[in-house]
Amino acid sequence: MRRLLCPVCTAVLLSATPAMSSAPDAGTPSSRPATAASTDAGVPASNDPPIASERLAEARALVPPLLLYGQLQPVVGTWVEYTVQSTPKNTHPVRAAVVGETPRERDTLYQVELDYQTTPRALIIVWVARAGTARAVVERLAISVPPNTPISVPVDLLADHAALQGQLVRQRDTDVRAGPFAGKGRELTFRRESGERVTVVTAAQVPVFGVESLRDGEVTWTARKSGTGARPALDVVPLTLPRLPAP
């Protein structure tokens, strides 16, 4: 659980929002396509707003990895459940679902929930804005770990911000050979500034994020099942924390 949830908890509870203060326009859509663009060498071509290097870890903790490396498929009520493993004995399910939408003048705001079925149980909620085929922007994140009061912080980051993903060093077509999402897929490998690699397999047949599997260091996410009929699990209004100034 340390590698899965605590980075988010720490970012929220210990004032992660200064990460955004160093890049106030980080959520402004750029000309970068919704999927990872790259040169022939496999290096991302991006003009995304910069994020200070010392703030990358905090900012990265505010975008769930499935959203950072996938692409939101905003069909309200759909859900997909992942088996998440960090060690052979530390395995638990996480269910991701699109549970609400609010049409606005320029875009639509979607409520996405990730239910970590751990001890204690934790619920992470992200509100994602998207206009047509434009890139998604994470406007706000909340975390609920009963019996504590849920808290919410502003984020305002592109969901697939290139600096948070890391450098795209490899991409290829692949086959998902077994399981409920067998079929064609796409494998992408990113290298972060620390040298750590993230490998994701995306597949159109997987709902919510289009992510069939994701390996981030020692942590592996694998999609196991999906369905419809998801409803919001957040039943209280989170305590809203303001954006804090950068130190």
Protein backbone atom coordinates (compact mmCIF):
# COMPACT_ATOMS: atom_id res chain seq x y z
CA MET A 1 0.00 0.00 0.00
CA ARG A 2 2.95 2.33 0.60
CA ARG A 3 3.65 2.72 -3.11
CA LEU A 4 -0.03 2.82 -4.12
CA LEU A 5 -1.97 5.11 -1.85
CA CYS A 6 0.40 6.89 0.49
CA PRO A 7 1.92 9.16 -2.20
CA VAL A 8 -1.57 10.53 -2.79
CA CYS A 9 -2.35 10.75 0.93
CA THR A 10 0.93 12.53 1.59
CA ALA A 11 0.38 14.91 -1.31
CA VAL A 12 -3.06 15.84 -0.06
CA LEU A 13 -2.51 15.87 3.69
CA LEU A 14 0.91 17.56 3.60
CA SER A 15 -0.01 20.40 1.25
CA ALA A 16 0.74 18.89 -2.14
CA THR A 17 -0.96 21.80 -3.84
CA PRO A 18 2.19 23.94 -3.93
CA ALA A 19 3.25 21.67 -6.78
CA MET A 20 0.62 23.38 -8.86
CA SER A 21 1.67 26.83 -7.71
CA SER A 22 4.98 26.43 -9.48
CA ALA A 23 3.09 25.79 -12.72
CA PRO A 24 -0.17 27.74 -12.51
CA ASP A 25 -1.05 27.09 -16.15
CA ALA A 26 -0.33 23.36 -16.04
CA GLY A 27 -3.93 22.54 -16.75
CA THR A 28 -4.18 24.65 -19.87
CA PRO A 29 -4.68 22.43 -22.93
CA SER A 30 -1.84 22.56 -25.43
CA SER A 31 -1.59 21.41 -29.01
CA ARG A 32 -0.33 17.97 -27.92
CA PRO A 33 -2.68 15.18 -29.06
CA ALA A 34 -4.73 13.20 -26.56
CA THR A 35 -2.54 10.16 -27.06
CA ALA A 36 1.20 10.22 -26.47
CA ALA A 37 2.82 11.90 -29.44
CA SER A 38 6.39 10.98 -30.24
CA THR A 39 9.20 11.50 -32.65
CA ASP A 40 10.74 8.62 -34.61
CA ALA A 41 13.20 8.21 -31.74
CA GLY A 42 10.36 7.62 -29.32
CA VAL A 43 10.85 10.88 -27.44
CA PRO A 44 7.62 12.71 -26.55
CA ALA A 45 7.04 15.85 -28.59
CA SER A 46 5.31 18.22 -26.22
CA ASN A 47 4.86 21.86 -25.36
CA ASP A 48 3.01 21.14 -22.12
CA PRO A 49 3.46 23.82 -19.44
CA PRO A 50 6.60 23.11 -17.40
CA ILE A 51 6.57 21.79 -13.84
CA ALA A 52 9.53 22.49 -11.59
CA SER A 53 11.68 19.38 -11.16
CA GLU A 54 11.41 19.50 -7.38
CA ARG A 55 7.61 19.43 -7.72
CA LEU A 56 7.27 16.51 -10.11
CA ALA A 57 6.74 13.81 -7.47
CA GLU A 58 4.07 15.84 -5.69
CA ALA A 59 2.30 16.72 -8.92
CA ARG A 60 2.47 13.12 -10.14
CA ALA A 61 0.79 11.95 -6.94
CA LEU A 62 -2.26 14.05 -7.78
CA VAL A 63 -3.06 12.22 -11.03
CA PRO A 64 -4.03 8.54 -10.64
CA PRO A 65 -1.69 6.39 -12.78
CA LEU A 66 -4.56 4.83 -14.75
CA LEU A 67 -5.58 8.32 -15.86
CA LEU A 68 -2.02 9.54 -16.36
CA TYR A 69 -1.15 6.71 -18.76
CA GLY A 70 -4.62 5.94 -20.12
CA GLN A 71 -7.34 8.03 -21.65
CA LEU A 72 -10.68 8.68 -20.00
CA GLN A 73 -13.63 6.97 -21.68
CA PRO A 74 -16.43 8.97 -20.05
CA VAL A 75 -19.38 6.59 -20.09
CA VAL A 76 -21.24 7.17 -16.83
CA GLY A 77 -21.94 3.98 -14.90
CA THR A 78 -19.10 1.93 -16.37
CA TRP A 79 -16.52 0.36 -14.08
CA VAL A 80 -13.43 -1.79 -14.31
CA GLU A 81 -11.75 -3.67 -11.49
CA TYR A 82 -7.99 -4.15 -11.22
CA THR A 83 -5.87 -6.51 -9.19
CA VAL A 84 -3.07 -4.42 -7.77
CA GLN A 85 0.07 -6.16 -6.55
CA SER A 86 3.10 -4.59 -4.90
CA THR A 87 4.51 -7.76 -3.30
CA PRO A 88 3.44 -11.42 -3.58
CA LYS A 89 1.53 -11.05 -0.31
CA ASN A 90 0.25 -7.52 -0.86
CA THR A 91 -2.51 -7.85 -3.44
CA HIS A 92 -5.87 -6.14 -3.42
CA PRO A 93 -8.60 -4.98 -5.82
CA VAL A 94 -9.17 -1.41 -6.92
CA ARG A 95 -12.39 -0.59 -8.72
CA ALA A 96 -12.42 2.45 -11.01
CA ALA A 97 -15.72 3.91 -12.20
CA VAL A 98 -17.21 6.92 -13.96
CA VAL A 99 -20.05 7.87 -11.63
CA GLY A 100 -21.26 11.29 -12.71
CA GLU A 101 -21.17 14.06 -15.29
CA THR A 102 -22.00 17.74 -15.19
CA PRO A 103 -22.40 19.53 -18.55
CA ARG A 104 -20.98 23.05 -18.51
CA GLU A 105 -20.87 25.86 -21.04
CA ARG A 106 -17.46 24.93 -22.49
CA ASP A 107 -16.94 21.34 -21.37
CA THR A 108 -18.26 18.48 -19.24
CA LEU A 109 -17.02 17.66 -15.75
CA TYR A 110 -16.84 13.94 -14.98
CA GLN A 111 -16.62 12.39 -11.52
CA VAL A 112 -14.32 9.36 -11.45
CA GLU A 113 -13.87 7.23 -8.34
CA LEU A 114 -11.18 4.70 -7.45
CA ASP A 115 -12.19 2.39 -4.62
CA TYR A 116 -9.12 0.89 -2.94
CA GLN A 117 -10.42 -2.22 -1.21
CA THR A 118 -7.67 -2.22 1.40
CA THR A 119 -7.51 -1.95 5.17
CA PRO A 120 -8.43 0.77 5.87
CA ARG A 121 -10.57 1.17 2.78
CA ALA A 122 -9.86 4.32 0.79
CA LEU A 123 -11.74 6.18 -1.90
CA ILE A 124 -10.01 8.57 -4.29
CA ILE A 125 -12.22 10.86 -6.35
CA VAL A 126 -11.08 12.96 -9.30
CA TRP A 127 -13.11 15.51 -11.20
CA VAL A 128 -11.99 15.56 -14.82
CA ALA A 129 -13.00 18.22 -17.35
CA ARG A 130 -13.14 17.39 -21.03
CA ALA A 131 -14.51 19.21 -24.08
CA GLY A 132 -15.15 16.98 -27.09
CA THR A 133 -11.90 15.36 -28.19
CA ALA A 134 -9.73 17.83 -26.27
CA ARG A 135 -7.31 16.53 -23.67
CA ALA A 136 -8.70 15.87 -20.22
CA VAL A 137 -7.83 18.16 -17.30
CA VAL A 138 -7.89 17.01 -13.68
CA GLU A 139 -9.56 19.91 -11.87
CA ARG A 140 -9.77 18.53 -8.34
CA LEU A 141 -8.93 15.47 -6.26
CA ALA A 142 -10.47 14.22 -3.03
CA ILE A 143 -9.61 11.38 -0.70
CA SER A 144 -11.84 9.65 1.81
CA VAL A 145 -10.47 7.25 4.43
CA PRO A 146 -13.16 6.62 7.08
CA PRO A 147 -13.62 7.66 9.80
CA ASN A 148 -11.67 10.76 8.77
CA THR A 149 -13.40 13.67 7.06
CA PRO A 150 -12.89 13.54 3.28
CA ILE A 151 -10.71 16.36 1.97
CA SER A 152 -10.41 17.90 -1.47
CA VAL A 153 -7.66 19.93 -3.14
CA PRO A 154 -7.39 21.77 -6.48
CA VAL A 155 -5.17 20.15 -9.11
CA ASP A 156 -5.60 21.84 -12.54
CA LEU A 157 -3.28 19.51 -14.45
CA LEU A 158 -3.50 17.90 -17.85
CA ALA A 159 -4.36 14.27 -17.17
CA ASP A 160 -1.61 13.08 -19.52
CA HIS A 161 0.97 15.79 -18.82
CA ALA A 162 4.20 14.77 -20.56
CA ALA A 163 6.47 15.74 -17.65
CA LEU A 164 4.50 13.49 -15.30
CA GLN A 165 4.46 10.55 -17.69
CA GLY A 166 8.17 10.65 -18.37
CA GLN A 167 10.03 10.09 -21.63
CA LEU A 168 8.38 7.69 -24.05
CA VAL A 169 11.20 5.29 -24.94
CA ARG A 170 9.31 2.42 -26.57
CA GLN A 171 5.94 1.73 -28.18
CA ARG A 172 4.66 -1.26 -30.12
CA ASP A 173 1.52 -3.16 -31.00
CA THR A 174 0.82 -6.17 -28.81
CA ASP A 175 -1.80 -8.82 -28.11
CA VAL A 176 -3.64 -9.28 -24.84
CA ARG A 177 -3.66 -13.06 -25.02
CA ALA A 178 -5.84 -14.06 -22.07
CA GLY A 179 -8.53 -12.80 -19.73
CA PRO A 180 -11.75 -10.86 -20.30
CA PHE A 181 -10.01 -8.19 -22.38
CA ALA A 182 -8.16 -10.40 -24.84
CA GLY A 183 -7.53 -8.72 -28.18
CA LYS A 184 -5.34 -6.08 -29.76
CA GLY A 185 -3.43 -3.67 -27.56
CA ARG A 186 -0.64 -1.12 -27.54
CA GLU A 187 2.38 -1.30 -25.22
CA LEU A 188 4.19 1.89 -24.20
CA THR A 189 7.21 2.26 -21.95
CA PHE A 190 8.13 5.55 -20.25
CA ARG A 191 11.31 6.47 -18.40
CA ARG A 192 11.07 8.97 -15.57
CA GLU A 193 13.74 11.41 -14.49
CA SER A 194 14.83 8.95 -11.76
CA GLY A 195 15.45 6.26 -14.37
CA GLU A 196 12.44 4.24 -13.17
CA ARG A 197 10.31 2.80 -15.96
CA VAL A 198 6.56 2.54 -16.37
CA THR A 199 5.06 0.11 -18.88
CA VAL A 200 1.40 0.33 -19.83
CA VAL A 201 -0.73 -1.80 -22.15
CA THR A 202 -3.72 0.07 -23.50
CA ALA A 203 -6.67 -1.61 -25.20
CA ALA A 204 -9.90 -0.16 -26.56
CA GLN A 205 -11.92 -3.02 -25.08
CA VAL A 206 -11.15 -1.96 -21.48
CA PRO A 207 -13.66 0.61 -20.16
CA VAL A 208 -13.04 3.78 -18.13
CA PHE A 209 -9.34 4.36 -18.91
CA GLY A 210 -8.53 1.90 -21.69
CA VAL A 211 -5.72 0.46 -19.56
CA GLU A 212 -5.36 -3.34 -19.52
CA SER A 213 -2.22 -3.42 -17.39
CA LEU A 214 0.29 -1.03 -15.90
CA ARG A 215 3.62 -1.69 -14.23
CA ASP A 216 5.08 1.15 -12.18
CA GLY A 217 8.25 0.00 -10.44
CA GLU A 218 7.22 -2.80 -8.07
CA VAL A 219 3.50 -2.15 -8.50
CA THR A 220 1.43 -3.92 -11.16
CA TRP A 221 -2.18 -3.17 -12.12
CA THR A 222 -4.08 -5.81 -14.11
CA ALA A 223 -7.68 -5.41 -15.32
CA ARG A 224 -9.79 -8.41 -14.28
CA LYS A 225 -13.45 -7.57 -14.89
CA SER A 226 -15.82 -4.78 -15.80
CA GLY A 227 -19.48 -3.87 -15.81
CA THR A 228 -22.08 -1.13 -15.67
CA GLY A 229 -24.39 0.39 -13.08
CA ALA A 230 -21.74 2.13 -10.97
CA ARG A 231 -22.96 4.86 -8.64
CA PRO A 232 -21.11 7.43 -6.52
CA ALA A 233 -19.60 6.02 -3.32
CA LEU A 234 -18.76 9.47 -1.95
CA ASP A 235 -21.77 10.38 0.17
CA VAL A 236 -20.53 13.52 1.94
CA VAL A 237 -19.15 16.86 0.75
CA PRO A 238 -15.36 16.89 1.21
CA LEU A 239 -13.62 19.59 3.20
CA THR A 240 -12.09 21.87 0.57
CA LEU A 241 -8.50 22.94 1.11
CA PRO A 242 -7.29 26.06 -0.72
CA ARG A 243 -4.36 26.21 -3.08
CA LEU A 244 -1.29 27.10 -1.05
CA PRO A 245 1.49 29.41 -2.19
CA ALA A 246 4.78 27.91 -3.25
CA PRO A 247 7.42 28.04 -0.48
